[in-house]
Structures are given as C-alpha cells and as structure tokens.
Amino acid sequence: MDSTRLPELVDQLMTSAHSARSGRAAHTLYGNSSHRLRQTVIALVAGQGLTDHDSPGEASLHVLRGHVTITTDDGEQWEGVDGDLVVIPAQRHGLTAQQDSAVLLTVITR
C-alpha cells in the first residue's frame, strides 16, 4: 500500500508553482488512463487557476491549503477554504485561487 505525506507534497508543489510560468503545479497520486478513479494534488499561486472546462465525471475538491473559488458558466460560485470539501458541479466550470492554495481533486471518470 502506498502512502503520501500531503503537507510535504503541497510544500513541494507550491515551490514549483511559484517557479512555473502558469503559476500552478500538479502531481497525480493515483490513477491513469486505465483507472476510473483519479486523485491529483494541484497547487495554485494566488490569482491563478484552471480555465473553464467540462466536468470529466463525478468529482470533488478537498481544499488542503488556501482559499479557492469554483465558478460555473451561469455565474454560480462556491468558496472553499482549508479543510473544505466541495462537490464539483456536473457542468462547465473554472477554479481560481484567491490566495496561494492547494487542492486534492478526486474524479471518477465516465
């Protein structure tokens, strides 16, 4: 069985995100194209995010650090801060870091 110390991984990814032109860094903890379940830690520098995209399946976002906003095409918003678990809407949406943030994205693909 594999285990990962999330606080240390978040620190590493935040360092990488600050060095990256995109202002983000990610590491897949579990899953690939042959798995339906995928878990990815994503670090975002304040003000950066993921542009609007379609939902790939059922998904949740666990905020490990910081403050993020999920916004749908119709303008609905969800806020998440340290420790929050947000169910991602099954519609087009984007994610913005209000401060340096890290999230655990869990997706079950269709």
PDB file of N, CA and C in Angstrom:
ATOM      1  N   MET A   1       0.845  -1.168   0.000  1.00  0.00           N
ATOM      2  CA  MET A   1       0.000   0.000   0.000  1.00  0.00           C
ATOM      3  C   MET A   1       0.896   1.238   0.000  1.00  0.00           C
ATOM      4  N   ASP A   2       0.582   2.190  -0.860  1.00  0.00           N
ATOM      5  CA  ASP A   2       1.345   3.435  -0.925  1.00  0.00           C
ATOM      6  C   ASP A   2       0.706   4.485  -0.028  1.00  0.00           C
ATOM      7  N   SER A   3       1.535   5.356   0.520  1.00  0.00           N
ATOM      8  CA  SER A   3       1.022   6.497   1.274  1.00  0.00           C
ATOM      9  C   SER A   3       1.847   7.724   0.908  1.00  0.00           C
ATOM     10  N   THR A   4       1.231   8.884   1.063  1.00  0.00           N
ATOM     11  CA  THR A   4       1.878  10.148   0.721  1.00  0.00           C
ATOM     12  C   THR A   4       1.633  11.139   1.847  1.00  0.00           C
ATOM     13  N   ARG A   5       2.658  11.837   2.271  1.00  0.00           N
ATOM     14  CA  ARG A   5       2.514  12.907   3.261  1.00  0.00           C
ATOM     15  C   ARG A   5       2.082  14.158   2.506  1.00  0.00           C
ATOM     16  N   LEU A   6       0.798  14.465   2.570  1.00  0.00           N
ATOM     17  CA  LEU A   6       0.252  15.579   1.803  1.00  0.00           C
ATOM     18  C   LEU A   6       0.867  16.935   2.169  1.00  0.00           C
ATOM     19  N   PRO A   7       1.111  17.247   3.446  1.00  0.00           N
ATOM     20  CA  PRO A   7       1.710  18.559   3.736  1.00  0.00           C
ATOM     21  C   PRO A   7       3.052  18.777   3.029  1.00  0.00           C
ATOM     22  N   GLU A   8       3.892  17.745   3.004  1.00  0.00           N
ATOM     23  CA  GLU A   8       5.189  17.873   2.335  1.00  0.00           C
ATOM     24  C   GLU A   8       5.016  17.995   0.821  1.00  0.00           C
ATOM     25  N   LEU A   9       4.099  17.216   0.262  1.00  0.00           N
ATOM     26  CA  LEU A   9       3.837  17.297  -1.176  1.00  0.00           C
ATOM     27  C   LEU A   9       3.312  18.680  -1.546  1.00  0.00           C
ATOM     28  N   VAL A  10       2.411  19.222  -0.740  1.00  0.00           N
ATOM     29  CA  VAL A  10       1.880  20.564  -1.003  1.00  0.00           C
ATOM     30  C   VAL A  10       3.011  21.590  -0.980  1.00  0.00           C
ATOM     31  N   ASP A  11       3.905  21.506   0.001  1.00  0.00           N
ATOM     32  CA  ASP A  11       5.043  22.437   0.052  1.00  0.00           C
ATOM     33  C   ASP A  11       5.880  22.358  -1.227  1.00  0.00           C
ATOM     34  N   GLN A  12       6.169  21.139  -1.683  1.00  0.00           N
ATOM     35  CA  GLN A  12       6.965  20.956  -2.904  1.00  0.00           C
ATOM     36  C   GLN A  12       6.246  21.536  -4.122  1.00  0.00           C
ATOM     37  N   LEU A  13       4.951  21.255  -4.227  1.00  0.00           N
ATOM     38  CA  LEU A  13       4.191  21.737  -5.384  1.00  0.00           C
ATOM     39  C   LEU A  13       4.042  23.255  -5.369  1.00  0.00           C
ATOM     40  N   MET A  14       3.888  23.849  -4.180  1.00  0.00           N
ATOM     41  CA  MET A  14       3.790  25.311  -4.118  1.00  0.00           C
ATOM     42  C   MET A  14       5.095  25.951  -4.581  1.00  0.00           C
ATOM     43  N   THR A  15       6.217  25.372  -4.205  1.00  0.00           N
ATOM     44  CA  THR A  15       7.514  25.874  -4.674  1.00  0.00           C
ATOM     45  C   THR A  15       7.581  25.791  -6.197  1.00  0.00           C
ATOM     46  N   SER A  16       7.154  24.673  -6.754  1.00  0.00           N
ATOM     47  CA  SER A  16       7.145  24.506  -8.216  1.00  0.00           C
ATOM     48  C   SER A  16       6.182  25.477  -8.878  1.00  0.00           C
ATOM     49  N   ALA A  17       5.014  25.679  -8.282  1.00  0.00           N
ATOM     50  CA  ALA A  17       4.012  26.587  -8.853  1.00  0.00           C
ATOM     51  C   ALA A  17       4.551  28.015  -8.915  1.00  0.00           C
ATOM     52  N   HIS A  18       5.282  28.432  -7.885  1.00  0.00           N
ATOM     53  CA  HIS A  18       5.850  29.785  -7.876  1.00  0.00           C
ATOM     54  C   HIS A  18       6.921  29.950  -8.946  1.00  0.00           C
ATOM     55  N   SER A  19       7.538  28.870  -9.367  1.00  0.00           N
ATOM     56  CA  SER A  19       8.565  28.927 -10.416  1.00  0.00           C
ATOM     57  C   SER A  19       7.985  28.768 -11.815  1.00  0.00           C
ATOM     58  N   ALA A  20       6.770  28.249 -11.901  1.00  0.00           N
ATOM     59  CA  ALA A  20       6.161  27.945 -13.204  1.00  0.00           C
ATOM     60  C   ALA A  20       5.505  29.182 -13.814  1.00  0.00           C
ATOM     61  N   ARG A  21       5.631  29.323 -15.113  1.00  0.00           N
ATOM     62  CA  ARG A  21       5.000  30.435 -15.829  1.00  0.00           C
ATOM     63  C   ARG A  21       3.481  30.415 -15.636  1.00  0.00           C
ATOM     64  N   SER A  22       2.901  29.216 -15.574  1.00  0.00           N
ATOM     65  CA  SER A  22       1.449  29.071 -15.421  1.00  0.00           C
ATOM     66  C   SER A  22       0.969  29.367 -14.007  1.00  0.00           C
ATOM     67  N   GLY A  23       1.900  29.386 -13.047  1.00  0.00           N
ATOM     68  CA  GLY A  23       1.514  29.614 -11.659  1.00  0.00           C
ATOM     69  C   GLY A  23       0.832  28.423 -11.019  1.00  0.00           C
ATOM     70  N   ARG A  24       1.082  27.242 -11.568  1.00  0.00           N
ATOM     71  CA  ARG A  24       0.474  26.043 -10.986  1.00  0.00           C
ATOM     72  C   ARG A  24       1.397  24.842 -11.172  1.00  0.00           C
ATOM     73  N   ALA A  25       1.152  23.836 -10.342  1.00  0.00           N
ATOM     74  CA  ALA A  25       1.887  22.573 -10.424  1.00  0.00           C
ATOM     75  C   ALA A  25       0.951  21.485  -9.920  1.00  0.00           C
ATOM     76  N   ALA A  26       1.139  20.269 -10.423  1.00  0.00           N
ATOM     77  CA  ALA A  26       0.245  19.174 -10.037  1.00  0.00           C
ATOM     78  C   ALA A  26       1.012  17.864  -9.954  1.00  0.00           C
ATOM     79  N   HIS A  27       0.455  16.958  -9.164  1.00  0.00           N
ATOM     80  CA  HIS A  27       1.023  15.615  -9.029  1.00  0.00           C
ATOM     81  C   HIS A  27      -0.132  14.628  -8.891  1.00  0.00           C
ATOM     82  N   THR A  28      -0.183  13.637  -9.765  1.00  0.00           N
ATOM     83  CA  THR A  28      -1.216  12.607  -9.675  1.00  0.00           C
ATOM     84  C   THR A  28      -0.808  11.589  -8.626  1.00  0.00           C
ATOM     85  N   LEU A  29      -1.659  11.431  -7.617  1.00  0.00           N
ATOM     86  CA  LEU A  29      -1.406  10.467  -6.545  1.00  0.00           C
ATOM     87  C   LEU A  29      -1.834   9.074  -6.949  1.00  0.00           C
ATOM     88  N   TYR A  30      -2.955   9.007  -7.652  1.00  0.00           N
ATOM     89  CA  TYR A  30      -3.495   7.705  -8.016  1.00  0.00           C
ATOM     90  C   TYR A  30      -4.242   7.828  -9.329  1.00  0.00           C
ATOM     91  N   GLY A  31      -4.107   6.805 -10.149  1.00  0.00           N
ATOM     92  CA  GLY A  31      -4.890   6.720 -11.374  1.00  0.00           C
ATOM     93  C   GLY A  31      -4.115   7.127 -12.610  1.00  0.00           C
ATOM     94  N   ASN A  32      -4.610   6.623 -13.718  1.00  0.00           N
ATOM     95  CA  ASN A  32      -4.098   6.962 -15.040  1.00  0.00           C
ATOM     96  C   ASN A  32      -5.196   6.603 -16.027  1.00  0.00           C
ATOM     97  N   SER A  33      -4.883   6.529 -17.287  1.00  0.00           N
ATOM     98  CA  SER A  33      -5.920   6.283 -18.294  1.00  0.00           C
ATOM     99  C   SER A  33      -6.597   4.926 -18.145  1.00  0.00           C
ATOM    100  N   SER A  34      -6.000   4.015 -17.403  1.00  0.00           N
ATOM    101  CA  SER A  34      -6.627   2.699 -17.223  1.00  0.00           C
ATOM    102  C   SER A  34      -7.463   2.611 -15.940  1.00  0.00           C
ATOM    103  N   HIS A  35      -7.551   3.699 -15.185  1.00  0.00           N
ATOM    104  CA  HIS A  35      -8.343   3.731 -13.953  1.00  0.00           C
ATOM    105  C   HIS A  35      -9.507   4.712 -14.093  1.00  0.00           C
ATOM    106  N   ARG A  36     -10.623   4.383 -13.478  1.00  0.00           N
ATOM    107  CA  ARG A  36     -11.743   5.330 -13.442  1.00  0.00           C
ATOM    108  C   ARG A  36     -11.539   6.366 -12.339  1.00  0.00           C
ATOM    109  N   LEU A  37     -10.914   5.953 -11.221  1.00  0.00           N
ATOM    110  CA  LEU A  37     -10.657   6.867 -10.107  1.00  0.00           C
ATOM    111  C   LEU A  37      -9.307   7.538 -10.308  1.00  0.00           C
ATOM    112  N   ARG A  38      -9.307   8.875 -10.191  1.00  0.00           N
ATOM    113  CA  ARG A  38      -8.058   9.632 -10.285  1.00  0.00           C
ATOM    114  C   ARG A  38      -8.012  10.643  -9.151  1.00  0.00           C
ATOM    115  N   GLN A  39      -6.842  10.763  -8.539  1.00  0.00           N
ATOM    116  CA  GLN A  39      -6.642  11.740  -7.476  1.00  0.00           C
ATOM    117  C   GLN A  39      -5.382  12.533  -7.779  1.00  0.00           C
ATOM    118  N   THR A  40      -5.539  13.850  -7.804  1.00  0.00           N
ATOM    119  CA  THR A  40      -4.447  14.736  -8.173  1.00  0.00           C
ATOM    120  C   THR A  40      -4.380  15.899  -7.196  1.00  0.00           C
ATOM    121  N   VAL A  41      -3.178  16.204  -6.703  1.00  0.00           N
ATOM    122  CA  VAL A  41      -2.970  17.401  -5.898  1.00  0.00           C
ATOM    123  C   VAL A  41      -2.537  18.511  -6.851  1.00  0.00           C
ATOM    124  N   ILE A  42      -3.214  19.654  -6.757  1.00  0.00           N
ATOM    125  CA  ILE A  42      -2.927  20.804  -7.614  1.00  0.00           C
ATOM    126  C   ILE A  42      -2.592  21.992  -6.721  1.00  0.00           C
ATOM    127  N   ALA A  43      -1.456  22.628  -6.974  1.00  0.00           N
ATOM    128  CA  ALA A  43      -1.056  23.840  -6.256  1.00  0.00           C
ATOM    129  C   ALA A  43      -1.201  25.024  -7.200  1.00  0.00           C
ATOM    130  N   LEU A  44      -1.777  26.109  -6.692  1.00  0.00           N
ATOM    131  CA  LEU A  44      -2.024  27.307  -7.487  1.00  0.00           C
ATOM    132  C   LEU A  44      -1.532  28.538  -6.739  1.00  0.00           C
ATOM    133  N   VAL A  45      -0.808  29.399  -7.436  1.00  0.00           N
ATOM    134  CA  VAL A  45      -0.389  30.677  -6.877  1.00  0.00           C
ATOM    135  C   VAL A  45      -1.613  31.599  -6.867  1.00  0.00           C
ATOM    136  N   ALA A  46      -1.692  32.479  -5.886  1.00  0.00           N
ATOM    137  CA  ALA A  46      -2.810  33.419  -5.784  1.00  0.00           C
ATOM    138  C   ALA A  46      -3.079  34.099  -7.122  1.00  0.00           C
ATOM    139  N   GLY A  47      -4.356  34.126  -7.517  1.00  0.00           N
ATOM    140  CA  GLY A  47      -4.760  34.755  -8.766  1.00  0.00           C
ATOM    141  C   GLY A  47      -4.739  33.831  -9.968  1.00  0.00           C
ATOM    142  N   GLN A  48      -4.127  32.676  -9.842  1.00  0.00           N
ATOM    143  CA  GLN A  48      -4.061  31.713 -10.943  1.00  0.00           C
ATOM    144  C   GLN A  48      -5.193  30.698 -10.807  1.00  0.00           C
ATOM    145  N   GLY A  49      -5.378  29.896 -11.842  1.00  0.00           N
ATOM    146  CA  GLY A  49      -6.439  28.907 -11.762  1.00  0.00           C
ATOM    147  C   GLY A  49      -6.464  27.974 -12.947  1.00  0.00           C
ATOM    148  N   LEU A  50      -7.579  27.307 -13.052  1.00  0.00           N
ATOM    149  CA  LEU A  50      -7.857  26.417 -14.172  1.00  0.00           C
ATOM    150  C   LEU A  50      -8.991  27.059 -14.954  1.00  0.00           C
ATOM    151  N   THR A  51      -8.770  27.316 -16.238  1.00  0.00           N
ATOM    152  CA  THR A  51      -9.794  27.955 -17.052  1.00  0.00           C
ATOM    153  C   THR A  51     -11.024  27.060 -17.150  1.00  0.00           C
ATOM    154  N   ASP A  52     -12.119  27.652 -17.584  1.00  0.00           N
ATOM    155  CA  ASP A  52     -13.370  26.899 -17.703  1.00  0.00           C
ATOM    156  C   ASP A  52     -13.155  25.622 -18.502  1.00  0.00           C
ATOM    157  N   HIS A  53     -13.728  24.548 -17.972  1.00  0.00           N
ATOM    158  CA  HIS A  53     -13.607  23.238 -18.616  1.00  0.00           C
ATOM    159  C   HIS A  53     -14.825  22.401 -18.247  1.00  0.00           C
ATOM    160  N   ASP A  54     -15.101  21.388 -19.067  1.00  0.00           N
ATOM    161  CA  ASP A  54     -16.215  20.485 -18.787  1.00  0.00           C
ATOM    162  C   ASP A  54     -15.817  19.511 -17.693  1.00  0.00           C
ATOM    163  N   SER A  55     -16.803  19.082 -16.939  1.00  0.00           N
ATOM    164  CA  SER A  55     -16.561  18.101 -15.889  1.00  0.00           C
ATOM    165  C   SER A  55     -16.327  16.737 -16.527  1.00  0.00           C
ATOM    166  N   PRO A  56     -15.208  16.069 -16.183  1.00  0.00           N
ATOM    167  CA  PRO A  56     -14.903  14.769 -16.787  1.00  0.00           C
ATOM    168  C   PRO A  56     -15.677  13.612 -16.162  1.00  0.00           C
ATOM    169  N   GLY A  57     -16.423  13.894 -15.119  1.00  0.00           N
ATOM    170  CA  GLY A  57     -17.167  12.859 -14.395  1.00  0.00           C
ATOM    171  C   GLY A  57     -17.511  13.369 -13.018  1.00  0.00           C
ATOM    172  N   GLU A  58     -17.909  12.469 -12.132  1.00  0.00           N
ATOM    173  CA  GLU A  58     -18.188  12.878 -10.757  1.00  0.00           C
ATOM    174  C   GLU A  58     -16.880  13.294 -10.110  1.00  0.00           C
ATOM    175  N   ALA A  59     -16.913  14.418  -9.377  1.00  0.00           N
ATOM    176  CA  ALA A  59     -15.664  14.933  -8.822  1.00  0.00           C
ATOM    177  C   ALA A  59     -15.904  15.716  -7.539  1.00  0.00           C
ATOM    178  N   SER A  60     -14.861  15.732  -6.713  1.00  0.00           N
ATOM    179  CA  SER A  60     -14.874  16.568  -5.514  1.00  0.00           C
ATOM    180  C   SER A  60     -13.518  17.247  -5.386  1.00  0.00           C
ATOM    181  N   LEU A  61     -13.522  18.331  -4.631  1.00  0.00           N
ATOM    182  CA  LEU A  61     -12.320  19.116  -4.421  1.00  0.00           C
ATOM    183  C   LEU A  61     -12.148  19.307  -2.919  1.00  0.00           C
ATOM    184  N   HIS A  62     -11.052  18.794  -2.371  1.00  0.00           N
ATOM    185  CA  HIS A  62     -10.728  18.965  -0.950  1.00  0.00           C
ATOM    186  C   HIS A  62      -9.669  20.054  -0.874  1.00  0.00           C
ATOM    187  N   VAL A  63      -9.996  21.155  -0.230  1.00  0.00           N
ATOM    188  CA  VAL A  63      -9.038  22.254  -0.111  1.00  0.00           C
ATOM    189  C   VAL A  63      -8.043  21.900   0.996  1.00  0.00           C
ATOM    190  N   LEU A  64      -6.808  21.674   0.604  1.00  0.00           N
ATOM    191  CA  LEU A  64      -5.755  21.309   1.551  1.00  0.00           C
ATOM    192  C   LEU A  64      -5.119  22.540   2.181  1.00  0.00           C
ATOM    193  N   ARG A  65      -5.077  23.628   1.415  1.00  0.00           N
ATOM    194  CA  ARG A  65      -4.471  24.873   1.892  1.00  0.00           C
ATOM    195  C   ARG A  65      -5.029  26.026   1.075  1.00  0.00           C
ATOM    196  N   GLY A  66      -5.312  27.137   1.717  1.00  0.00           N
ATOM    197  CA  GLY A  66      -5.677  28.345   0.996  1.00  0.00           C
ATOM    198  C   GLY A  66      -7.163  28.593   0.868  1.00  0.00           C
ATOM    199  N   HIS A  67      -7.518  29.274  -0.216  1.00  0.00           N
ATOM    200  CA  HIS A  67      -8.889  29.725  -0.477  1.00  0.00           C
ATOM    201  C   HIS A  67      -9.092  29.723  -1.991  1.00  0.00           C
ATOM    202  N   VAL A  68     -10.070  28.959  -2.455  1.00  0.00           N
ATOM    203  CA  VAL A  68     -10.357  28.856  -3.888  1.00  0.00           C
ATOM    204  C   VAL A  68     -11.823  29.161  -4.163  1.00  0.00           C
ATOM    205  N   THR A  69     -12.093  29.526  -5.405  1.00  0.00           N
ATOM    206  CA  THR A  69     -13.456  29.762  -5.867  1.00  0.00           C
ATOM    207  C   THR A  69     -13.700  28.924  -7.113  1.00  0.00           C
ATOM    208  N   ILE A  70     -14.810  28.195  -7.117  1.00  0.00           N
ATOM    209  CA  ILE A  70     -15.270  27.477  -8.306  1.00  0.00           C
ATOM    210  C   ILE A  70     -16.423  28.283  -8.874  1.00  0.00           C
ATOM    211  N   THR A  71     -16.358  28.587 -10.173  1.00  0.00           N
ATOM    212  CA  THR A  71     -17.400  29.372 -10.829  1.00  0.00           C
ATOM    213  C   THR A  71     -17.915  28.614 -12.041  1.00  0.00           C
ATOM    214  N   THR A  72     -19.249  28.535 -12.171  1.00  0.00           N
ATOM    215  CA  THR A  72     -19.853  27.867 -13.321  1.00  0.00           C
ATOM    216  C   THR A  72     -20.144  28.884 -14.421  1.00  0.00           C
ATOM    217  N   ASP A  73     -20.445  28.380 -15.609  1.00  0.00           N
ATOM    218  CA  ASP A  73     -20.776  29.243 -16.744  1.00  0.00           C
ATOM    219  C   ASP A  73     -21.957  30.160 -16.457  1.00  0.00           C
ATOM    220  N   ASP A  74     -22.900  29.690 -15.632  1.00  0.00           N
ATOM    221  CA  ASP A  74     -24.074  30.515 -15.344  1.00  0.00           C
ATOM    222  C   ASP A  74     -23.852  31.463 -14.162  1.00  0.00           C
ATOM    223  N   GLY A  75     -22.599  31.556 -13.679  1.00  0.00           N
ATOM    224  CA  GLY A  75     -22.252  32.529 -12.652  1.00  0.00           C
ATOM    225  C   GLY A  75     -22.375  32.060 -11.214  1.00  0.00           C
ATOM    226  N   GLU A  76     -22.791  30.821 -11.003  1.00  0.00           N
ATOM    227  CA  GLU A  76     -22.858  30.299  -9.644  1.00  0.00           C
ATOM    228  C   GLU A  76     -21.449  30.126  -9.104  1.00  0.00           C
ATOM    229  N   GLN A  77     -21.269  30.388  -7.797  1.00  0.00           N
ATOM    230  CA  GLN A  77     -19.940  30.281  -7.203  1.00  0.00           C
ATOM    231  C   GLN A  77     -19.974  29.477  -5.913  1.00  0.00           C
ATOM    232  N   TRP A  78     -18.887  28.750  -5.669  1.00  0.00           N
ATOM    233  CA  TRP A  78     -18.668  28.043  -4.412  1.00  0.00           C
ATOM    234  C   TRP A  78     -17.303  28.458  -3.909  1.00  0.00           C
ATOM    235  N   GLU A  79     -17.224  28.782  -2.629  1.00  0.00           N
ATOM    236  CA  GLU A  79     -15.962  29.131  -1.987  1.00  0.00           C
ATOM    237  C   GLU A  79     -15.472  27.935  -1.184  1.00  0.00           C
ATOM    238  N   GLY A  80     -14.178  27.733  -1.150  1.00  0.00           N
ATOM    239  CA  GLY A  80     -13.594  26.677  -0.339  1.00  0.00           C
ATOM    240  C   GLY A  80     -12.334  27.170   0.343  1.00  0.00           C
ATOM    241  N   VAL A  81     -12.207  26.850   1.632  1.00  0.00           N
ATOM    242  CA  VAL A  81     -11.010  27.202   2.402  1.00  0.00           C
ATOM    243  C   VAL A  81     -10.464  25.945   3.067  1.00  0.00           C
ATOM    244  N   ASP A  82      -9.309  26.066   3.710  1.00  0.00           N
ATOM    245  CA  ASP A  82      -8.637  24.929   4.356  1.00  0.00           C
ATOM    246  C   ASP A  82      -9.637  23.950   4.966  1.00  0.00           C
ATOM    247  N   GLY A  83      -9.555  22.699   4.537  1.00  0.00           N
ATOM    248  CA  GLY A  83     -10.381  21.647   5.121  1.00  0.00           C
ATOM    249  C   GLY A  83     -11.731  21.443   4.471  1.00  0.00           C
ATOM    250  N   ASP A  84     -12.175  22.363   3.610  1.00  0.00           N
ATOM    251  CA  ASP A  84     -13.485  22.222   2.964  1.00  0.00           C
ATOM    252  C   ASP A  84     -13.449  21.155   1.877  1.00  0.00           C
ATOM    253  N   LEU A  85     -14.575  20.479   1.726  1.00  0.00           N
ATOM    254  CA  LEU A  85     -14.768  19.515   0.643  1.00  0.00           C
ATOM    255  C   LEU A  85     -15.930  20.021  -0.191  1.00  0.00           C
ATOM    256  N   VAL A  86     -15.680  20.270  -1.461  1.00  0.00           N
ATOM    257  CA  VAL A  86     -16.686  20.825  -2.363  1.00  0.00           C
ATOM    258  C   VAL A  86     -16.984  19.803  -3.448  1.00  0.00           C
ATOM    259  N   VAL A  87     -18.264  19.497  -3.651  1.00  0.00           N
ATOM    260  CA  VAL A  87     -18.659  18.638  -4.767  1.00  0.00           C
ATOM    261  C   VAL A  87     -18.674  19.518  -6.012  1.00  0.00           C
ATOM    262  N   ILE A  88     -17.931  19.112  -7.013  1.00  0.00           N
ATOM    263  CA  ILE A  88     -17.812  19.910  -8.236  1.00  0.00           C
ATOM    264  C   ILE A  88     -19.057  19.716  -9.087  1.00  0.00           C
ATOM    265  N   PRO A  89     -19.632  20.815  -9.572  1.00  0.00           N
ATOM    266  CA  PRO A  89     -20.849  20.707 -10.372  1.00  0.00           C
ATOM    267  C   PRO A  89     -20.604  19.957 -11.683  1.00  0.00           C
ATOM    268  N   ALA A  90     -21.620  19.241 -12.122  1.00  0.00           N
ATOM    269  CA  ALA A  90     -21.520  18.467 -13.371  1.00  0.00           C
ATOM    270  C   ALA A  90     -21.831  19.369 -14.555  1.00  0.00           C
ATOM    271  N   GLN A  91     -21.168  20.496 -14.617  1.00  0.00           N
ATOM    272  CA  GLN A  91     -21.329  21.445 -15.715  1.00  0.00           C
ATOM    273  C   GLN A  91     -20.005  22.169 -15.905  1.00  0.00           C
ATOM    274  N   ARG A  92     -19.922  22.950 -16.948  1.00  0.00           N
ATOM    275  CA  ARG A  92     -18.693  23.686 -17.248  1.00  0.00           C
ATOM    276  C   ARG A  92     -18.371  24.607 -16.068  1.00  0.00           C
ATOM    277  N   HIS A  93     -17.080  24.629 -15.669  1.00  0.00           N
ATOM    278  CA  HIS A  93     -16.685  25.413 -14.503  1.00  0.00           C
ATOM    279  C   HIS A  93     -15.196  25.759 -14.575  1.00  0.00           C
ATOM    280  N   GLY A  94     -14.793  26.698 -13.743  1.00  0.00           N
ATOM    281  CA  GLY A  94     -13.389  27.072 -13.618  1.00  0.00           C
ATOM    282  C   GLY A  94     -13.024  27.177 -12.149  1.00  0.00           C
ATOM    283  N   LEU A  95     -11.742  27.240 -11.862  1.00  0.00           N
ATOM    284  CA  LEU A  95     -11.235  27.301 -10.493  1.00  0.00           C
ATOM    285  C   LEU A  95     -10.217  28.429 -10.401  1.00  0.00           C
ATOM    286  N   THR A  96     -10.349  29.278  -9.370  1.00  0.00           N
ATOM    287  CA  THR A  96      -9.414  30.379  -9.156  1.00  0.00           C
ATOM    288  C   THR A  96      -8.912  30.352  -7.722  1.00  0.00           C
ATOM    289  N   ALA A  97      -7.605  30.530  -7.547  1.00  0.00           N
ATOM    290  CA  ALA A  97      -7.014  30.616  -6.211  1.00  0.00           C
ATOM    291  C   ALA A  97      -7.092  32.063  -5.735  1.00  0.00           C
ATOM    292  N   GLN A  98      -7.768  32.297  -4.623  1.00  0.00           N
ATOM    293  CA  GLN A  98      -7.865  33.632  -4.047  1.00  0.00           C
ATOM    294  C   GLN A  98      -6.595  33.976  -3.264  1.00  0.00           C
ATOM    295  N   GLN A  99      -5.890  32.938  -2.831  1.00  0.00           N
ATOM    296  CA  GLN A  99      -4.569  33.064  -2.204  1.00  0.00           C
ATOM    297  C   GLN A  99      -3.805  31.805  -2.591  1.00  0.00           C
ATOM    298  N   ASP A 100      -2.521  31.746  -2.307  1.00  0.00           N
ATOM    299  CA  ASP A 100      -1.778  30.519  -2.612  1.00  0.00           C
ATOM    300  C   ASP A 100      -2.558  29.344  -2.042  1.00  0.00           C
ATOM    301  N   SER A 101      -2.834  28.353  -2.884  1.00  0.00           N
ATOM    302  CA  SER A 101      -3.741  27.274  -2.494  1.00  0.00           C
ATOM    303  C   SER A 101      -3.293  25.937  -3.050  1.00  0.00           C
ATOM    304  N   ALA A 102      -3.759  24.883  -2.383  1.00  0.00           N
ATOM    305  CA  ALA A 102      -3.549  23.520  -2.877  1.00  0.00           C
ATOM    306  C   ALA A 102      -4.827  22.736  -2.633  1.00  0.00           C
ATOM    307  N   VAL A 103      -5.192  21.930  -3.619  1.00  0.00           N
ATOM    308  CA  VAL A 103      -6.421  21.145  -3.537  1.00  0.00           C
ATOM    309  C   VAL A 103      -6.138  19.700  -3.932  1.00  0.00           C
ATOM    310  N   LEU A 104      -6.954  18.807  -3.418  1.00  0.00           N
ATOM    311  CA  LEU A 104      -6.932  17.405  -3.835  1.00  0.00           C
ATOM    312  C   LEU A 104      -8.173  17.191  -4.684  1.00  0.00           C
ATOM    313  N   LEU A 105      -7.965  16.976  -5.970  1.00  0.00           N
ATOM    314  CA  LEU A 105      -9.054  16.725  -6.909  1.00  0.00           C
ATOM    315  C   LEU A 105      -9.253  15.222  -7.030  1.00  0.00           C
ATOM    316  N   THR A 106     -10.468  14.769  -6.756  1.00  0.00           N
ATOM    317  CA  THR A 106     -10.819  13.360  -6.907  1.00  0.00           C
ATOM    318  C   THR A 106     -11.879  13.261  -7.992  1.00  0.00           C
ATOM    319  N   VAL A 107     -11.624  12.447  -9.009  1.00  0.00           N
ATOM    320  CA  VAL A 107     -12.535  12.312 -10.147  1.00  0.00           C
ATOM    321  C   VAL A 107     -12.785  10.837 -10.420  1.00  0.00           C
ATOM    322  N   ILE A 108     -14.043  10.516 -10.669  1.00  0.00           N
ATOM    323  CA  ILE A 108     -14.397   9.203 -11.209  1.00  0.00           C
ATOM    324  C   ILE A 108     -14.865   9.465 -12.626  1.00  0.00           C
ATOM    325  N   THR A 109     -14.074   9.030 -13.596  1.00  0.00           N
ATOM    326  CA  THR A 109     -14.385   9.317 -14.994  1.00  0.00           C
ATOM    327  C   THR A 109     -15.566   8.491 -15.469  1.00  0.00           C
ATOM    328  N   ARG A 110     -16.202   9.023 -16.478  1.00  0.00           N
ATOM    329  CA  ARG A 110     -17.386   8.362 -17.048  1.00  0.00           C
ATOM    330  C   ARG A 110     -16.979   7.204 -17.908  1.00  0.00           C
TER     331      ARG A 110
END
